[in-house]
Amino acid sequence: MDRTDLLLLESAVTAMEEAASAVAREVERDRLDETTLARLSTVEAELNRSRISLEKIIRDETV
């Protein structure tokens, strides 16, 4: 994997962090119905899992 690919992955990690943070803020506001809050919580968890997976790929490729 070349440096450009790693930069793209790092950019994706940053985007996922920002998206998960935005979702968490919406959940914390607690102004949405329960179903929507549950869906947003699921989206947040999936973003975090994907971020962790990408971080692992980056670590493995840079060793």
Protein backbone atom coordinates (compact mmCIF):
# COMPACT_ATOMS: atom_id res chain seq x y z
CA MET A 1 0.00 0.00 0.00
CA ASP A 2 1.49 3.35 -0.96
CA ARG A 3 1.49 6.64 0.94
CA THR A 4 -1.47 8.00 -1.04
CA ASP A 5 -3.61 5.04 0.00
CA LEU A 6 -2.62 5.52 3.63
CA LEU A 7 -3.50 9.22 3.47
CA LEU A 8 -6.90 8.35 2.02
CA LEU A 9 -7.51 5.84 4.81
CA GLU A 10 -6.44 8.38 7.43
CA SER A 11 -8.82 10.90 5.88
CA ALA A 12 -11.63 8.35 6.06
CA VAL A 13 -10.85 7.73 9.74
CA THR A 14 -11.09 11.46 10.43
CA ALA A 15 -14.39 11.70 8.56
CA MET A 16 -15.78 8.77 10.55
CA GLU A 17 -14.69 10.37 13.83
CA GLU A 18 -16.43 13.61 12.87
CA ALA A 19 -19.58 11.81 11.77
CA ALA A 20 -19.73 9.70 14.94
CA SER A 21 -19.26 12.83 17.01
CA ALA A 22 -22.11 14.58 15.21
CA VAL A 23 -24.37 11.58 15.72
CA ALA A 24 -23.45 11.41 19.41
CA ARG A 25 -24.36 15.09 19.82
CA GLU A 26 -27.78 14.46 18.28
CA VAL A 27 -28.36 11.48 20.57
CA GLU A 28 -27.33 13.55 23.61
CA ARG A 29 -29.82 16.29 22.73
CA ASP A 30 -32.55 13.71 23.38
CA ARG A 31 -35.15 15.55 21.31
CA LEU A 32 -35.86 12.71 18.91
CA ASP A 33 -38.20 9.78 19.33
CA GLU A 34 -36.93 6.48 20.71
CA THR A 35 -36.84 4.71 17.35
CA THR A 36 -34.73 7.45 15.78
CA LEU A 37 -32.42 7.56 18.80
CA ALA A 38 -31.93 3.80 18.57
CA ARG A 39 -31.11 4.03 14.87
CA LEU A 40 -28.67 6.87 15.46
CA SER A 41 -26.99 4.92 18.23
CA THR A 42 -26.60 2.00 15.84
CA VAL A 43 -25.10 4.31 13.20
CA GLU A 44 -22.68 5.71 15.78
CA ALA A 45 -21.60 2.20 16.81
CA GLU A 46 -21.08 1.15 13.18
CA LEU A 47 -19.02 4.26 12.45
CA ASN A 48 -16.85 3.56 15.47
CA ARG A 49 -16.38 -0.10 14.49
CA SER A 50 -15.45 0.89 10.95
CA ARG A 51 -13.03 3.52 12.24
CA ILE A 52 -11.33 0.97 14.49
CA SER A 53 -11.04 -1.47 11.56
CA LEU A 54 -9.45 1.19 9.36
CA GLU A 55 -7.07 2.18 12.13
CA LYS A 56 -5.99 -1.46 12.43
CA ILE A 57 -5.38 -1.65 8.67
CA ILE A 58 -3.30 1.53 8.84
CA ARG A 59 -1.27 0.15 11.76
CA ASP A 60 -0.70 -3.16 9.99
CA GLU A 61 0.40 -1.45 6.79
CA THR A 62 2.79 0.95 8.47
CA VAL A 63 4.69 -1.65 10.49
